[in-house]
Every structure is written in C-alpha cells, then in structure tokens.
Amino acid sequence: MKILVTDGMDRIAIAKLRELGHEVVEQFYESEELGAALAGFDVVVVRSKTKVRVPQIDAAKGGRLRLIIRGGVGVDNIDVAYAEENGIAVRNTPRASSQSVAELALAHMLSCARFVSHAGYSMRSNQWQKKAYSQGIEISGKTLGIIGYGRIGQSLGAMARALGMTVIAYGAHHAPGTCAGDGVPYVSMDELLSRSDFISVHAPAADGPIINAQTIAKMKDGVILINTSRGANLDEDALLAALQSGKVRAAGLDVYAVEPTANTALLSHPHVSCTPHIGASTEEAQARIGQEIVEIISAFQPEG
C-alpha cells in the first residue's frame, strides 16, 4: 500500500512498513491541499496537527484512500462518521500513549502543588523568591477527582493512589455508586466537583467545556485543575477569572482552545504550569504508537 505520514512517526515503525513492502511518504499538507493529495494514497497516518474533515474527505473521494489512522487516543480531528459513510475506515492507537499522558498529568499536579514551573522560571530570571513559594501543599492525603476514567485516567489513578491520594471518578456511562475494575468509586459530577482537592480531565471533547464558570463554582476553594485531554474541555476565560479570584489555586495545562495558543494572560499566570501539548511525546509512547500503527496496517483488509 501507499502510505502518507503527515505529522511524523517513529523511525523504526516507518522502516518496518517499508520492509513489509509498503511505500511510505512523509509529508505535511496544508488543509486546502490535503484532500487532493489523499486521493493518491491507500492510508494516511496523522497525529493532532492534521485535520481530516469533510472537505478533505470529499476531495479524496474516488481515489485510493481506504484507511485513516490517528496516532494517539482522540479522533476529534477526523470526521469519523463521514469518512466511514464513504468507505474509509478510521483507526486510532488508544493503548500506546496512556502512561505517558498520565505521567504528564501527575507532573503538572506536583508542579502546581509546589510552584515548580514558576519558581524555576523566576530563578532563571535571577530571582530568589523562597518566601513567595513557601506555601506549597502535599498531594498525599488529598482527593483526586478524575473526569473520564478510561486508560489514561486509570493509569493516573494508580499512580495517585500509590502516592497516598484518595481517588474518585466520574464516567458519563458509569452509575454513581459503582466501582471501576481497580476499585475506584464512580460518583456524580457534582460530588466529584465538591469533594476533590485536585481535578484532572481525561474525557473526549464534549459539546461544550466541562470546566466552566458553573462547574468551577461547585468546586472546593483552592482546587487544583489539570487538563491534558482536549482544550475544548476547559473554558480558559473562566479558569483565568477563577485563578485571579483564588477560587482555583493552580492549573496544569497541556492542551488549549486554540493551538498554538496565544493566551499569554493565562500562560503567564504565576499559578499555571503549562506545556505545549506534549502528553504523548515520550520515546516509549512514540515507539508503541508506531508499533500499533504497523499492526493496524498489517491487519487491515480493505473492502472490495
């Protein structure tokens, strides 16, 4: 098959695909050029940068394209239903990056608890502000509420419990009062909001922000918020207002409403720990993603 890789891929995996006899082309296309290019490929492999929407799918109709693979968990940058209606299968690699994303969420939790990000920045600016960062907190003994308790949420939950935290979870398809397979209890959204000292979001993109002014109002004063899921899940204006009022103690962010983000007011806030959407950016995750993509392509049997 002829395979287009638009956003990069593990080198070992690319070599393996070529060993299997596939032609692999590594090239990024702007959205207005992508659809016509896709018509010449059997498979396209994308990450989060490339968007495969209705116009691109329409432009690829009648061509060779039979499979879209998202190297990662979410597929909200692909119009999945429309692609499948037009005979184009969509796959992702949900297992590959879970641990990496969960570890980054934990890193942001610790950074927020102890001012790691901003204190380090201030020292590089030749400032010694020991007193300014003397009011850190421990995460042991605190309650972590996880919104979306799939693979990533469960990985984070296991690490948090190992560090002495109480973990509760909200799942849209899980009834309050039941438990996940690891024993973590599911609670209602309102209970999670009111009980949690830390809240970490690991849900797919919703119709509107999960974290907004209304849900923030239901949280404990001094809550710490973490979002490594999708930027659309968090209302950035509401978060900034809550940080300024002190309702939210700190926030750890890896994803943003618009990427690259230009929200300097939020990024420069002294209680924000921020990274540029690097949740899956570890050597181990990239290797697993590549391996899973090879497996998907090797097992794929196009219809017709």
C-alpha atoms as a PDB file:
ATOM      1  CA  MET A   1       0.000   0.000   0.000  1.00  0.00           C
ATOM      2  CA  LYS A   2       0.966   3.625  -0.432  1.00  0.00           C
ATOM      3  CA  ILE A   3       1.021   5.334   2.971  1.00  0.00           C
ATOM      4  CA  LEU A   4       1.128   9.057   3.758  1.00  0.00           C
ATOM      5  CA  VAL A   5       2.555  10.107   7.132  1.00  0.00           C
ATOM      6  CA  THR A   6       1.732  13.768   7.730  1.00  0.00           C
ATOM      7  CA  ASP A   7       2.772  14.562  11.312  1.00  0.00           C
ATOM      8  CA  GLY A   8       5.810  12.362  11.904  1.00  0.00           C
ATOM      9  CA  MET A   9       6.168   8.787  13.099  1.00  0.00           C
ATOM     10  CA  ASP A  10       8.644   6.543  14.877  1.00  0.00           C
ATOM     11  CA  ARG A  11      11.584   5.749  12.591  1.00  0.00           C
ATOM     12  CA  ILE A  12      11.639   2.059  13.456  1.00  0.00           C
ATOM     13  CA  ALA A  13       7.972   1.750  12.549  1.00  0.00           C
ATOM     14  CA  ILE A  14       8.499   3.504   9.213  1.00  0.00           C
ATOM     15  CA  ALA A  15      11.403   1.184   8.451  1.00  0.00           C
ATOM     16  CA  LYS A  16       9.222  -1.811   9.330  1.00  0.00           C
ATOM     17  CA  LEU A  17       6.463  -0.674   6.987  1.00  0.00           C
ATOM     18  CA  ARG A  18       8.980  -0.358   4.180  1.00  0.00           C
ATOM     19  CA  GLU A  19      10.376  -3.790   4.970  1.00  0.00           C
ATOM     20  CA  LEU A  20       6.847  -5.142   4.575  1.00  0.00           C
ATOM     21  CA  GLY A  21       6.777  -3.723   1.058  1.00  0.00           C
ATOM     22  CA  HIS A  22       4.736  -0.574   1.610  1.00  0.00           C
ATOM     23  CA  GLU A  23       5.629   2.780   0.100  1.00  0.00           C
ATOM     24  CA  VAL A  24       5.817   5.426   2.848  1.00  0.00           C
ATOM     25  CA  VAL A  25       5.764   9.151   2.069  1.00  0.00           C
ATOM     26  CA  GLU A  26       6.427  11.607   4.897  1.00  0.00           C
ATOM     27  CA  GLN A  27       4.954  14.997   4.058  1.00  0.00           C
ATOM     28  CA  PHE A  28       2.710  17.550   5.732  1.00  0.00           C
ATOM     29  CA  TYR A  29      -0.028  19.163   3.636  1.00  0.00           C
ATOM     30  CA  GLU A  30      -1.982  22.291   4.444  1.00  0.00           C
ATOM     31  CA  SER A  31      -5.709  21.652   4.723  1.00  0.00           C
ATOM     32  CA  GLU A  32      -6.572  23.100   1.305  1.00  0.00           C
ATOM     33  CA  GLU A  33      -4.083  20.727  -0.372  1.00  0.00           C
ATOM     34  CA  LEU A  34      -4.598  17.653   1.771  1.00  0.00           C
ATOM     35  CA  GLY A  35      -7.762  16.239   0.203  1.00  0.00           C
ATOM     36  CA  ALA A  36      -6.384  16.062  -3.334  1.00  0.00           C
ATOM     37  CA  ALA A  37      -3.176  14.512  -2.001  1.00  0.00           C
ATOM     38  CA  LEU A  38      -5.098  11.851  -0.067  1.00  0.00           C
ATOM     39  CA  ALA A  39      -6.677  10.562  -3.262  1.00  0.00           C
ATOM     40  CA  GLY A  40      -3.285   9.140  -4.206  1.00  0.00           C
ATOM     41  CA  PHE A  41      -2.753   7.136  -1.005  1.00  0.00           C
ATOM     42  CA  ASP A  42      -4.297   3.984   0.449  1.00  0.00           C
ATOM     43  CA  VAL A  43      -3.563   5.003   4.048  1.00  0.00           C
ATOM     44  CA  VAL A  44      -2.928   8.288   5.845  1.00  0.00           C
ATOM     45  CA  VAL A  45      -1.365   8.425   9.323  1.00  0.00           C
ATOM     46  CA  VAL A  46      -1.977  11.641  11.259  1.00  0.00           C
ATOM     47  CA  ARG A  47      -1.383  12.991  14.759  1.00  0.00           C
ATOM     48  CA  SER A  48      -3.149  16.057  16.177  1.00  0.00           C
ATOM     49  CA  LYS A  49      -1.893  18.692  13.725  1.00  0.00           C
ATOM     50  CA  THR A  50      -3.500  17.318  10.575  1.00  0.00           C
ATOM     51  CA  LYS A  51      -7.289  17.656  10.341  1.00  0.00           C
ATOM     52  CA  VAL A  52      -9.216  15.286   8.076  1.00  0.00           C
ATOM     53  CA  ARG A  53     -12.595  16.945   7.732  1.00  0.00           C
ATOM     54  CA  VAL A  54     -15.496  16.715   5.295  1.00  0.00           C
ATOM     55  CA  PRO A  55     -13.819  18.895   2.607  1.00  0.00           C
ATOM     56  CA  GLN A  56     -10.679  16.736   2.637  1.00  0.00           C
ATOM     57  CA  ILE A  57     -12.725  13.531   2.518  1.00  0.00           C
ATOM     58  CA  ASP A  58     -14.838  14.904  -0.347  1.00  0.00           C
ATOM     59  CA  ALA A  59     -11.696  15.816  -2.290  1.00  0.00           C
ATOM     60  CA  ALA A  60     -10.316  12.300  -1.756  1.00  0.00           C
ATOM     61  CA  LYS A  61     -13.468  10.539  -2.973  1.00  0.00           C
ATOM     62  CA  GLY A  62     -12.939   8.285  -5.929  1.00  0.00           C
ATOM     63  CA  GLY A  63      -9.271   7.891  -5.111  1.00  0.00           C
ATOM     64  CA  ARG A  64      -7.285   5.231  -3.315  1.00  0.00           C
ATOM     65  CA  LEU A  65      -7.850   6.268   0.306  1.00  0.00           C
ATOM     66  CA  ARG A  66      -9.282   3.429   2.410  1.00  0.00           C
ATOM     67  CA  LEU A  67      -7.831   3.966   5.903  1.00  0.00           C
ATOM     68  CA  ILE A  68      -7.157   6.908   8.225  1.00  0.00           C
ATOM     69  CA  ILE A  69      -5.056   6.194  11.320  1.00  0.00           C
ATOM     70  CA  ARG A  70      -4.790   8.643  14.208  1.00  0.00           C
ATOM     71  CA  GLY A  71      -1.541   8.046  16.074  1.00  0.00           C
ATOM     72  CA  GLY A  72      -2.959   8.712  19.527  1.00  0.00           C
ATOM     73  CA  VAL A  73      -6.137   8.400  21.548  1.00  0.00           C
ATOM     74  CA  GLY A  74      -8.610  11.061  20.395  1.00  0.00           C
ATOM     75  CA  VAL A  75     -10.038  11.174  16.884  1.00  0.00           C
ATOM     76  CA  ASP A  76     -11.770  14.551  17.143  1.00  0.00           C
ATOM     77  CA  ASN A  77      -9.535  15.940  14.377  1.00  0.00           C
ATOM     78  CA  ILE A  78     -11.189  13.471  11.978  1.00  0.00           C
ATOM     79  CA  ASP A  79     -14.797  13.458  10.778  1.00  0.00           C
ATOM     80  CA  VAL A  80     -15.088   9.769  11.593  1.00  0.00           C
ATOM     81  CA  ALA A  81     -18.737   9.131  10.716  1.00  0.00           C
ATOM     82  CA  TYR A  82     -18.454  10.884   7.365  1.00  0.00           C
ATOM     83  CA  ALA A  83     -15.280   9.022   6.480  1.00  0.00           C
ATOM     84  CA  GLU A  84     -16.837   5.661   7.289  1.00  0.00           C
ATOM     85  CA  GLU A  85     -20.018   6.539   5.376  1.00  0.00           C
ATOM     86  CA  ASN A  86     -17.750   6.963   2.358  1.00  0.00           C
ATOM     87  CA  GLY A  87     -15.968   3.636   2.759  1.00  0.00           C
ATOM     88  CA  ILE A  88     -12.914   4.971   4.589  1.00  0.00           C
ATOM     89  CA  ALA A  89     -12.078   3.167   7.827  1.00  0.00           C
ATOM     90  CA  VAL A  90     -10.773   5.109  10.841  1.00  0.00           C
ATOM     91  CA  ARG A  91      -8.496   3.635  13.494  1.00  0.00           C
ATOM     92  CA  ASN A  92      -6.517   5.027  16.434  1.00  0.00           C
ATOM     93  CA  THR A  93      -3.895   3.795  18.918  1.00  0.00           C
ATOM     94  CA  PRO A  94      -5.634   4.113  22.298  1.00  0.00           C
ATOM     95  CA  ARG A  95      -3.240   1.910  24.277  1.00  0.00           C
ATOM     96  CA  ALA A  96       0.049   3.410  23.205  1.00  0.00           C
ATOM     97  CA  SER A  97       0.242   6.787  24.952  1.00  0.00           C
ATOM     98  CA  SER A  98      -1.854   6.276  28.090  1.00  0.00           C
ATOM     99  CA  GLN A  99       1.047   6.005  30.521  1.00  0.00           C
ATOM    100  CA  SER A 100       2.871   8.993  29.063  1.00  0.00           C
ATOM    101  CA  VAL A 101      -0.166  11.277  29.263  1.00  0.00           C
ATOM    102  CA  ALA A 102      -0.961  10.103  32.791  1.00  0.00           C
ATOM    103  CA  GLU A 103       2.609  10.780  33.928  1.00  0.00           C
ATOM    104  CA  LEU A 104       2.467  14.298  32.489  1.00  0.00           C
ATOM    105  CA  ALA A 105      -0.802  14.934  34.343  1.00  0.00           C
ATOM    106  CA  LEU A 106       0.901  13.798  37.557  1.00  0.00           C
ATOM    107  CA  ALA A 107       3.886  16.029  36.782  1.00  0.00           C
ATOM    108  CA  HIS A 108       1.544  19.009  36.468  1.00  0.00           C
ATOM    109  CA  MET A 109      -0.145  18.076  39.741  1.00  0.00           C
ATOM    110  CA  LEU A 110       3.197  18.120  41.545  1.00  0.00           C
ATOM    111  CA  SER A 111       4.278  21.285  39.756  1.00  0.00           C
ATOM    112  CA  CYS A 112       1.084  23.066  40.808  1.00  0.00           C
ATOM    113  CA  ALA A 113       1.355  21.827  44.382  1.00  0.00           C
ATOM    114  CA  ARG A 114       4.920  23.103  44.780  1.00  0.00           C
ATOM    115  CA  PHE A 115       5.200  26.007  42.255  1.00  0.00           C
ATOM    116  CA  VAL A 116       7.859  24.054  40.325  1.00  0.00           C
ATOM    117  CA  SER A 117       7.237  25.679  36.956  1.00  0.00           C
ATOM    118  CA  HIS A 118       7.062  29.307  38.038  1.00  0.00           C
ATOM    119  CA  ALA A 119       9.736  29.057  40.728  1.00  0.00           C
ATOM    120  CA  GLY A 120      12.149  27.607  38.196  1.00  0.00           C
ATOM    121  CA  TYR A 121      11.336  30.387  35.750  1.00  0.00           C
ATOM    122  CA  SER A 122      11.899  33.052  38.393  1.00  0.00           C
ATOM    123  CA  MET A 123      15.317  31.616  39.250  1.00  0.00           C
ATOM    124  CA  ARG A 124      16.336  31.733  35.607  1.00  0.00           C
ATOM    125  CA  SER A 125      15.394  35.419  35.800  1.00  0.00           C
ATOM    126  CA  ASN A 126      17.907  35.829  38.665  1.00  0.00           C
ATOM    127  CA  GLN A 127      15.244  35.957  41.372  1.00  0.00           C
ATOM    128  CA  TRP A 128      15.453  34.136  44.709  1.00  0.00           C
ATOM    129  CA  GLN A 129      11.848  34.119  45.904  1.00  0.00           C
ATOM    130  CA  LYS A 130      11.932  31.488  48.613  1.00  0.00           C
ATOM    131  CA  LYS A 131       9.196  33.141  50.687  1.00  0.00           C
ATOM    132  CA  ALA A 132       6.913  33.555  47.687  1.00  0.00           C
ATOM    133  CA  TYR A 133       6.856  29.794  47.183  1.00  0.00           C
ATOM    134  CA  SER A 134       6.707  28.747  50.834  1.00  0.00           C
ATOM    135  CA  GLN A 135       3.011  27.839  50.798  1.00  0.00           C
ATOM    136  CA  GLY A 136       3.169  24.617  48.818  1.00  0.00           C
ATOM    137  CA  ILE A 137       0.990  21.643  49.645  1.00  0.00           C
ATOM    138  CA  GLU A 138       1.467  17.882  49.736  1.00  0.00           C
ATOM    139  CA  ILE A 139      -0.630  15.695  47.467  1.00  0.00           C
ATOM    140  CA  SER A 140      -0.603  12.758  49.879  1.00  0.00           C
ATOM    141  CA  GLY A 141      -3.880  12.617  51.767  1.00  0.00           C
ATOM    142  CA  LYS A 142      -5.698  14.736  49.185  1.00  0.00           C
ATOM    143  CA  THR A 143      -8.615  13.668  46.999  1.00  0.00           C
ATOM    144  CA  LEU A 144      -8.130  13.442  43.250  1.00  0.00           C
ATOM    145  CA  GLY A 145     -11.242  13.549  41.083  1.00  0.00           C
ATOM    146  CA  ILE A 146     -10.743  12.141  37.596  1.00  0.00           C
ATOM    147  CA  ILE A 147     -13.248  13.092  34.903  1.00  0.00           C
ATOM    148  CA  GLY A 148     -13.121  10.339  32.303  1.00  0.00           C
ATOM    149  CA  TYR A 149     -11.821   7.092  33.759  1.00  0.00           C
ATOM    150  CA  GLY A 150     -10.501   5.294  30.704  1.00  0.00           C
ATOM    151  CA  ARG A 151      -6.972   4.040  30.126  1.00  0.00           C
ATOM    152  CA  ILE A 152      -5.296   7.373  30.895  1.00  0.00           C
ATOM    153  CA  GLY A 153      -7.470   8.124  33.896  1.00  0.00           C
ATOM    154  CA  GLN A 154      -6.874   4.657  35.309  1.00  0.00           C
ATOM    155  CA  SER A 155      -3.105   4.990  34.881  1.00  0.00           C
ATOM    156  CA  LEU A 156      -3.171   8.326  36.700  1.00  0.00           C
ATOM    157  CA  GLY A 157      -5.418   6.856  39.395  1.00  0.00           C
ATOM    158  CA  ALA A 158      -2.967   4.034  40.081  1.00  0.00           C
ATOM    159  CA  MET A 159      -0.053   6.447  40.467  1.00  0.00           C
ATOM    160  CA  ALA A 160      -2.064   8.835  42.648  1.00  0.00           C
ATOM    161  CA  ARG A 161      -3.143   6.050  44.993  1.00  0.00           C
ATOM    162  CA  ALA A 162       0.465   4.893  45.272  1.00  0.00           C
ATOM    163  CA  LEU A 163       1.297   8.424  46.462  1.00  0.00           C
ATOM    164  CA  GLY A 164      -1.358   8.304  49.172  1.00  0.00           C
ATOM    165  CA  MET A 165      -4.228  10.077  47.433  1.00  0.00           C
ATOM    166  CA  THR A 166      -7.900   9.139  47.567  1.00  0.00           C
ATOM    167  CA  VAL A 167      -9.204   8.729  44.013  1.00  0.00           C
ATOM    168  CA  ILE A 168     -12.791   9.170  42.840  1.00  0.00           C
ATOM    169  CA  ALA A 169     -14.001   9.169  39.245  1.00  0.00           C
ATOM    170  CA  TYR A 170     -16.801  10.397  37.037  1.00  0.00           C
ATOM    171  CA  GLY A 171     -17.713   8.491  33.890  1.00  0.00           C
ATOM    172  CA  ALA A 172     -20.549   9.505  31.608  1.00  0.00           C
ATOM    173  CA  HIS A 173     -21.545   5.857  31.176  1.00  0.00           C
ATOM    174  CA  HIS A 174     -20.977   4.685  34.765  1.00  0.00           C
ATOM    175  CA  ALA A 175     -23.556   4.971  37.520  1.00  0.00           C
ATOM    176  CA  PRO A 176     -22.578   6.666  40.785  1.00  0.00           C
ATOM    177  CA  GLY A 177     -22.137   4.074  43.497  1.00  0.00           C
ATOM    178  CA  THR A 178     -20.484   1.527  41.216  1.00  0.00           C
ATOM    179  CA  CYS A 179     -16.754   0.916  41.070  1.00  0.00           C
ATOM    180  CA  ALA A 180     -14.192   0.601  38.309  1.00  0.00           C
ATOM    181  CA  GLY A 181     -12.267  -2.629  37.964  1.00  0.00           C
ATOM    182  CA  ASP A 182      -9.490  -1.260  40.168  1.00  0.00           C
ATOM    183  CA  GLY A 183     -11.950  -0.436  42.945  1.00  0.00           C
ATOM    184  CA  VAL A 184     -12.092   3.322  42.363  1.00  0.00           C
ATOM    185  CA  PRO A 185     -15.657   4.520  43.048  1.00  0.00           C
ATOM    186  CA  TYR A 186     -17.708   6.345  40.455  1.00  0.00           C
ATOM    187  CA  VAL A 187     -19.509   9.409  41.785  1.00  0.00           C
ATOM    188  CA  SER A 188     -21.801  12.028  40.307  1.00  0.00           C
ATOM    189  CA  MET A 189     -20.234  15.053  38.682  1.00  0.00           C
ATOM    190  CA  ASP A 190     -21.494  17.308  41.469  1.00  0.00           C
ATOM    191  CA  GLU A 191     -19.968  15.065  44.134  1.00  0.00           C
ATOM    192  CA  LEU A 192     -16.652  14.936  42.313  1.00  0.00           C
ATOM    193  CA  LEU A 193     -16.592  18.728  41.981  1.00  0.00           C
ATOM    194  CA  SER A 194     -17.383  19.341  45.636  1.00  0.00           C
ATOM    195  CA  ARG A 195     -15.067  16.691  47.148  1.00  0.00           C
ATOM    196  CA  SER A 196     -11.902  16.945  45.074  1.00  0.00           C
ATOM    197  CA  ASP A 197      -8.738  18.819  46.009  1.00  0.00           C
ATOM    198  CA  PHE A 198      -7.341  18.063  42.552  1.00  0.00           C
ATOM    199  CA  ILE A 199      -9.410  17.523  39.398  1.00  0.00           C
ATOM    200  CA  SER A 200      -7.876  16.029  36.262  1.00  0.00           C
ATOM    201  CA  VAL A 201      -9.790  15.859  32.978  1.00  0.00           C
ATOM    202  CA  HIS A 202      -9.322  12.835  30.713  1.00  0.00           C
ATOM    203  CA  ALA A 203     -12.576  12.861  28.751  1.00  0.00           C
ATOM    204  CA  PRO A 204     -13.078  13.189  24.984  1.00  0.00           C
ATOM    205  CA  ALA A 205     -14.035  16.601  23.663  1.00  0.00           C
ATOM    206  CA  ALA A 206     -17.566  17.415  24.768  1.00  0.00           C
ATOM    207  CA  ASP A 207     -20.206  19.631  23.156  1.00  0.00           C
ATOM    208  CA  GLY A 208     -19.069  22.441  25.453  1.00  0.00           C
ATOM    209  CA  PRO A 209     -16.468  22.998  28.157  1.00  0.00           C
ATOM    210  CA  ILE A 210     -16.648  20.518  31.036  1.00  0.00           C
ATOM    211  CA  ILE A 211     -14.770  23.001  33.201  1.00  0.00           C
ATOM    212  CA  ASN A 212     -16.624  26.311  33.030  1.00  0.00           C
ATOM    213  CA  ALA A 213     -17.795  29.056  35.378  1.00  0.00           C
ATOM    214  CA  GLN A 214     -20.736  26.966  36.597  1.00  0.00           C
ATOM    215  CA  THR A 215     -18.726  23.830  37.385  1.00  0.00           C
ATOM    216  CA  ILE A 216     -15.888  25.847  38.935  1.00  0.00           C
ATOM    217  CA  ALA A 217     -18.402  27.459  41.302  1.00  0.00           C
ATOM    218  CA  LYS A 218     -19.256  23.988  42.636  1.00  0.00           C
ATOM    219  CA  MET A 219     -15.623  23.147  43.428  1.00  0.00           C
ATOM    220  CA  LYS A 220     -13.739  23.493  46.693  1.00  0.00           C
ATOM    221  CA  ASP A 221     -11.981  26.784  47.237  1.00  0.00           C
ATOM    222  CA  GLY A 222      -8.327  26.305  46.365  1.00  0.00           C
ATOM    223  CA  VAL A 223      -8.863  23.395  43.990  1.00  0.00           C
ATOM    224  CA  ILE A 224      -6.103  22.500  41.517  1.00  0.00           C
ATOM    225  CA  LEU A 225      -7.210  21.766  37.935  1.00  0.00           C
ATOM    226  CA  ILE A 226      -5.336  19.667  35.373  1.00  0.00           C
ATOM    227  CA  ASN A 227      -6.240  19.342  31.692  1.00  0.00           C
ATOM    228  CA  THR A 228      -4.270  17.051  29.389  1.00  0.00           C
ATOM    229  CA  SER A 229      -7.324  15.931  27.394  1.00  0.00           C
ATOM    230  CA  ARG A 230      -8.685  18.460  24.900  1.00  0.00           C
ATOM    231  CA  GLY A 231      -8.517  22.236  25.019  1.00  0.00           C
ATOM    232  CA  ALA A 232     -12.244  22.499  24.290  1.00  0.00           C
ATOM    233  CA  ASN A 233     -12.987  20.806  27.614  1.00  0.00           C
ATOM    234  CA  LEU A 234     -11.951  23.893  29.575  1.00  0.00           C
ATOM    235  CA  ASP A 235     -13.216  27.473  29.395  1.00  0.00           C
ATOM    236  CA  GLU A 236      -9.964  29.436  29.549  1.00  0.00           C
ATOM    237  CA  ASP A 237     -11.631  32.748  30.436  1.00  0.00           C
ATOM    238  CA  ALA A 238     -13.469  31.122  33.346  1.00  0.00           C
ATOM    239  CA  LEU A 239     -10.261  29.469  34.536  1.00  0.00           C
ATOM    240  CA  LEU A 240      -8.313  32.730  34.428  1.00  0.00           C
ATOM    241  CA  ALA A 241     -11.026  34.515  36.403  1.00  0.00           C
ATOM    242  CA  ALA A 242     -11.014  31.725  38.998  1.00  0.00           C
ATOM    243  CA  LEU A 243      -7.213  31.855  39.280  1.00  0.00           C
ATOM    244  CA  GLN A 244      -7.332  35.618  39.779  1.00  0.00           C
ATOM    245  CA  SER A 245     -10.005  35.328  42.469  1.00  0.00           C
ATOM    246  CA  GLY A 246      -8.231  32.487  44.242  1.00  0.00           C
ATOM    247  CA  LYS A 247     -11.121  30.054  43.775  1.00  0.00           C
ATOM    248  CA  VAL A 248      -8.714  27.884  41.795  1.00  0.00           C
ATOM    249  CA  ARG A 249      -5.331  27.586  43.466  1.00  0.00           C
ATOM    250  CA  ALA A 250      -3.427  26.479  40.373  1.00  0.00           C
ATOM    251  CA  ALA A 251      -3.833  24.830  36.982  1.00  0.00           C
ATOM    252  CA  GLY A 252      -1.717  22.467  34.916  1.00  0.00           C
ATOM    253  CA  LEU A 253      -2.375  22.659  31.177  1.00  0.00           C
ATOM    254  CA  ASP A 254      -1.074  20.712  28.195  1.00  0.00           C
ATOM    255  CA  VAL A 255      -3.915  21.468  25.761  1.00  0.00           C
ATOM    256  CA  TYR A 256      -5.590  24.718  24.732  1.00  0.00           C
ATOM    257  CA  ALA A 257      -8.670  26.046  22.976  1.00  0.00           C
ATOM    258  CA  VAL A 258      -6.515  27.173  20.035  1.00  0.00           C
ATOM    259  CA  GLU A 259      -3.121  25.645  19.329  1.00  0.00           C
ATOM    260  CA  PRO A 260      -0.554  27.086  19.231  1.00  0.00           C
ATOM    261  CA  THR A 261      -2.080  29.186  21.994  1.00  0.00           C
ATOM    262  CA  ALA A 262      -1.638  32.936  22.261  1.00  0.00           C
ATOM    263  CA  ASN A 263      -3.383  33.229  25.634  1.00  0.00           C
ATOM    264  CA  THR A 264      -0.485  34.968  27.331  1.00  0.00           C
ATOM    265  CA  ALA A 265      -2.616  36.141  30.260  1.00  0.00           C
ATOM    266  CA  LEU A 266      -3.246  32.523  31.204  1.00  0.00           C
ATOM    267  CA  LEU A 267       0.219  31.178  30.403  1.00  0.00           C
ATOM    268  CA  SER A 268       1.973  33.902  32.370  1.00  0.00           C
ATOM    269  CA  HIS A 269      -0.140  33.492  35.492  1.00  0.00           C
ATOM    270  CA  PRO A 270       2.182  32.528  38.372  1.00  0.00           C
ATOM    271  CA  HIS A 271      -0.048  29.602  39.362  1.00  0.00           C
ATOM    272  CA  VAL A 272      -0.198  27.989  35.921  1.00  0.00           C
ATOM    273  CA  SER A 273       2.054  25.092  34.933  1.00  0.00           C
ATOM    274  CA  CYS A 274       1.961  24.781  31.151  1.00  0.00           C
ATOM    275  CA  THR A 275       3.370  22.575  28.387  1.00  0.00           C
ATOM    276  CA  PRO A 276       2.809  22.703  24.590  1.00  0.00           C
ATOM    277  CA  HIS A 277       0.634  19.593  24.016  1.00  0.00           C
ATOM    278  CA  ILE A 278       3.364  17.055  24.752  1.00  0.00           C
ATOM    279  CA  GLY A 279       1.288  14.450  26.578  1.00  0.00           C
ATOM    280  CA  ALA A 280       2.287  11.596  24.262  1.00  0.00           C
ATOM    281  CA  SER A 281       5.738  12.971  23.484  1.00  0.00           C
ATOM    282  CA  THR A 282       7.931  10.340  25.082  1.00  0.00           C
ATOM    283  CA  GLU A 283      10.293   7.928  23.379  1.00  0.00           C
ATOM    284  CA  GLU A 284       8.358   4.994  24.776  1.00  0.00           C
ATOM    285  CA  ALA A 285       4.946   6.256  23.663  1.00  0.00           C
ATOM    286  CA  GLN A 286       6.166   7.070  20.165  1.00  0.00           C
ATOM    287  CA  ALA A 287       7.638   3.585  19.819  1.00  0.00           C
ATOM    288  CA  ARG A 288       4.378   1.981  20.994  1.00  0.00           C
ATOM    289  CA  ILE A 289       2.308   4.202  18.699  1.00  0.00           C
ATOM    290  CA  GLY A 290       4.493   3.228  15.756  1.00  0.00           C
ATOM    291  CA  GLN A 291       4.246  -0.455  16.597  1.00  0.00           C
ATOM    292  CA  GLU A 292       0.475  -0.254  16.906  1.00  0.00           C
ATOM    293  CA  ILE A 293       0.203   1.539  13.558  1.00  0.00           C
ATOM    294  CA  VAL A 294       2.221  -1.215  11.890  1.00  0.00           C
ATOM    295  CA  GLU A 295      -0.119  -3.790  13.429  1.00  0.00           C
ATOM    296  CA  ILE A 296      -3.215  -1.906  12.240  1.00  0.00           C
ATOM    297  CA  ILE A 297      -1.921  -1.622   8.687  1.00  0.00           C
ATOM    298  CA  SER A 298      -0.795  -5.256   8.604  1.00  0.00           C
ATOM    299  CA  ALA A 299      -4.207  -6.461   9.768  1.00  0.00           C
ATOM    300  CA  PHE A 300      -6.257  -4.110   7.572  1.00  0.00           C
ATOM    301  CA  GLN A 301      -8.336  -5.709   4.861  1.00  0.00           C
ATOM    302  CA  PRO A 302      -9.921  -3.031   2.645  1.00  0.00           C
ATOM    303  CA  GLU A 303     -13.454  -3.765   1.486  1.00  0.00           C
ATOM    304  CA  GLY A 304     -13.826  -4.572  -2.168  1.00  0.00           C
END
